[in-house]
Amino acid sequence: MHATPIRTRMLVASLAALALVLTAAPAGATQASDPEDVSGKLDLKQITATKADATAPLHITIVTYDNWKKAVLSDSGHNRVFVLFNTDSDSKAEYVGEIYESGGNLVMVITGSGSAFEPLKVRHPNGHTLKTVVPGSAPPNPDGNVRVAVKSRYVDAADCATACKDRAPNGGWLTVP
């Protein structure tokens, strides 16, 4: 029995859709979507945090609704993206990663618990995405679970004169196994 061209196309389309679903979020990924609810270029749309296992690096992806150039996060300006790290499961962040442009590159500098760490590289692969990696077993990424959230602050005379702020998730934390 031979498959008809229509059945063959349907099978190929079904397999392609299944592959897309299976590769959309890596194993161990935790994701939060945020509504389009803040004016300005740094309105958060989605954050994804991934750890392959308890001691693995923590991969963080931040997506905004609008496109913007990395100069928006100039180190001399007020615009920022912050990654909050809750390492002890209380309601407060023990570490805060501040993302900004420095010397033409985007970096994240993590401070907290009386420590400051070397800047981490941040990629801006398209106009609305930030990606960074926190090494495994680092204080902001301890062995086991870590809880994360992201905040943004955008200041612009036209839309956000007093600063437009967003948080994802709006309340609570993403727990990354």
Protein backbone atom coordinates (compact mmCIF):
# COMPACT_ATOMS: atom_id res chain seq x y z
CA MET A 1 0.00 0.00 0.00
CA HIS A 2 1.46 3.35 -1.04
CA ALA A 3 0.83 6.63 0.74
CA THR A 4 -0.99 9.23 -1.32
CA PRO A 5 0.72 12.59 -1.87
CA ILE A 6 -1.81 14.23 0.48
CA ARG A 7 -1.16 11.68 3.25
CA THR A 8 2.59 12.08 2.74
CA ARG A 9 2.32 15.88 3.06
CA MET A 10 0.12 15.54 6.15
CA LEU A 11 2.61 13.13 7.73
CA VAL A 12 5.53 15.47 6.99
CA ALA A 13 3.59 18.47 8.37
CA SER A 14 2.64 16.52 11.51
CA LEU A 15 6.23 15.43 12.12
CA ALA A 16 7.48 18.99 11.60
CA ALA A 17 4.92 20.32 14.09
CA LEU A 18 5.88 17.65 16.62
CA ALA A 19 9.57 18.50 16.21
CA LEU A 20 8.80 22.19 16.78
CA VAL A 21 6.88 21.42 19.99
CA LEU A 22 9.63 19.15 21.27
CA THR A 23 12.37 21.72 20.62
CA ALA A 24 10.47 24.86 21.69
CA ALA A 25 11.75 24.76 25.27
CA PRO A 26 14.74 22.75 26.41
CA ALA A 27 14.37 20.05 29.04
CA GLY A 28 14.44 21.58 32.51
CA ALA A 29 13.32 24.96 31.16
CA THR A 30 11.05 27.16 33.20
CA GLN A 31 9.18 29.88 31.35
CA ALA A 32 6.99 32.86 32.23
CA SER A 33 5.05 35.01 29.81
CA ASP A 34 4.16 38.57 30.69
CA PRO A 35 1.34 40.65 29.19
CA GLU A 36 2.01 43.70 27.03
CA ASP A 37 1.25 46.06 29.89
CA VAL A 38 4.01 48.69 30.12
CA SER A 39 4.95 51.58 27.83
CA GLY A 40 8.48 51.80 26.54
CA LYS A 41 10.98 49.57 24.79
CA LEU A 42 11.70 47.26 27.75
CA ASP A 43 8.19 45.83 28.25
CA LEU A 44 8.96 42.22 29.17
CA LYS A 45 7.28 39.52 27.09
CA GLN A 46 8.86 36.25 28.22
CA ILE A 47 11.67 34.88 30.34
CA THR A 48 13.11 31.40 30.13
CA ALA A 49 15.58 29.88 32.59
CA THR A 50 17.23 26.49 32.04
CA LYS A 51 19.58 24.20 33.96
CA ALA A 52 20.52 20.80 32.54
CA ASP A 53 21.04 19.39 36.06
CA ALA A 54 21.58 20.57 39.65
CA THR A 55 25.17 21.72 39.10
CA ALA A 56 24.82 23.02 35.53
CA PRO A 57 25.12 26.59 34.26
CA LEU A 58 21.90 28.61 34.34
CA HIS A 59 20.86 29.81 30.86
CA ILE A 60 18.59 32.87 30.91
CA THR A 61 16.69 34.29 27.93
CA ILE A 62 14.74 37.55 28.22
CA VAL A 63 12.39 38.70 25.44
CA THR A 64 10.74 42.14 25.14
CA TYR A 65 7.79 43.15 22.98
CA ASP A 66 9.64 45.96 21.18
CA ASN A 67 12.94 45.96 19.31
CA TRP A 68 15.73 48.18 20.64
CA LYS A 69 19.48 48.70 20.20
CA LYS A 70 21.92 47.73 22.93
CA ALA A 71 22.74 51.44 23.40
CA VAL A 72 19.34 51.72 25.13
CA LEU A 73 21.11 50.07 28.09
CA SER A 74 24.04 52.51 28.08
CA ASP A 75 26.05 52.42 31.32
CA SER A 76 25.60 56.20 31.65
CA GLY A 77 21.81 56.01 31.31
CA HIS A 78 18.91 55.00 33.55
CA ASN A 79 17.55 52.10 31.46
CA ARG A 80 18.28 48.68 32.88
CA VAL A 81 17.28 45.04 32.92
CA PHE A 82 17.73 43.24 36.25
CA VAL A 83 17.79 39.51 36.93
CA LEU A 84 16.79 38.64 40.49
CA PHE A 85 18.20 35.45 42.06
CA ASN A 86 16.44 33.93 45.07
CA THR A 87 18.70 31.19 46.40
CA ASP A 88 17.04 30.38 49.73
CA SER A 89 13.34 30.22 48.79
CA ASP A 90 12.23 33.17 50.90
CA SER A 91 10.50 36.16 49.33
CA LYS A 92 13.61 38.29 48.65
CA ALA A 93 16.42 38.17 46.10
CA GLU A 94 19.84 37.43 47.54
CA TYR A 95 21.60 38.46 44.31
CA VAL A 96 20.76 40.97 41.57
CA GLY A 97 22.24 40.92 38.08
CA GLU A 98 22.26 44.33 36.39
CA ILE A 99 22.41 44.24 32.59
CA TYR A 100 23.84 47.27 30.78
CA GLU A 101 26.16 48.27 27.93
CA SER A 102 29.78 48.81 28.84
CA GLY A 103 32.52 49.50 26.30
CA GLY A 104 30.26 48.52 23.40
CA ASN A 105 29.30 45.16 24.94
CA LEU A 106 26.36 44.08 27.03
CA VAL A 107 27.28 42.67 30.42
CA MET A 108 25.55 41.49 33.57
CA VAL A 109 27.18 42.38 36.87
CA ILE A 110 25.83 40.35 39.79
CA THR A 111 26.01 41.71 43.33
CA GLY A 112 24.59 40.57 46.63
CA SER A 113 25.32 38.95 49.98
CA GLY A 114 28.33 41.26 50.33
CA SER A 115 29.90 40.12 47.05
CA ALA A 116 30.35 41.40 43.51
CA PHE A 117 31.25 39.06 40.67
CA GLU A 118 33.08 39.42 37.37
CA PRO A 119 30.85 40.73 34.57
CA LEU A 120 29.12 38.03 32.53
CA LYS A 121 28.69 38.33 28.77
CA VAL A 122 25.16 39.11 27.56
CA ARG A 123 24.16 38.52 23.94
CA HIS A 124 21.54 40.57 22.06
CA PRO A 125 20.96 38.23 19.07
CA ASN A 126 18.04 40.22 17.71
CA GLY A 127 16.29 43.47 18.52
CA HIS A 128 14.22 42.11 21.40
CA THR A 129 16.17 39.27 23.08
CA LEU A 130 18.87 39.05 25.74
CA LYS A 131 20.74 35.83 26.55
CA THR A 132 23.24 35.13 29.30
CA VAL A 133 24.70 32.20 31.24
CA VAL A 134 25.49 32.06 34.97
CA PRO A 135 28.15 29.43 35.78
CA GLY A 136 27.11 26.35 37.73
CA SER A 137 27.83 26.24 41.46
CA ALA A 138 28.20 30.05 41.57
CA PRO A 139 26.54 31.72 44.58
CA PRO A 140 23.68 33.16 42.44
CA ASN A 141 23.29 29.71 40.81
CA PRO A 142 23.80 27.23 43.64
CA ASP A 143 23.67 23.47 43.22
CA GLY A 144 20.00 22.47 43.15
CA ASN A 145 17.10 24.84 42.63
CA VAL A 146 17.30 28.57 42.09
CA ARG A 147 14.37 30.95 41.73
CA VAL A 148 14.57 33.85 39.27
CA ALA A 149 12.59 36.87 38.13
CA VAL A 150 13.37 39.77 35.79
CA LYS A 151 12.70 43.48 36.17
CA SER A 152 13.12 46.26 33.63
CA ARG A 153 13.28 50.04 33.92
CA TYR A 154 12.93 52.33 30.91
CA VAL A 155 13.18 56.12 31.03
CA ASP A 156 12.22 58.19 27.97
CA ALA A 157 10.96 61.78 27.84
CA ALA A 158 8.14 60.92 25.43
CA ASP A 159 6.56 57.80 26.96
CA CYS A 160 8.25 57.10 30.26
CA ALA A 161 9.41 60.37 31.81
CA THR A 162 9.11 58.95 35.35
CA ALA A 163 10.33 55.46 34.33
CA CYS A 164 8.27 52.59 33.00
CA LYS A 165 8.88 49.47 35.07
CA ASP A 166 7.98 45.83 34.49
CA ARG A 167 8.51 42.49 36.24
CA ALA A 168 8.20 38.92 34.99
CA PRO A 169 6.62 37.04 36.47
CA ASN A 170 4.47 39.88 37.85
CA GLY A 171 4.47 38.19 41.25
CA GLY A 172 6.44 35.28 42.61
CA TRP A 173 9.36 33.46 41.04
CA LEU A 174 10.32 30.93 38.38
CA THR A 175 11.78 27.86 40.07
CA VAL A 176 14.54 26.30 37.99
CA PRO A 177 15.32 22.70 38.93
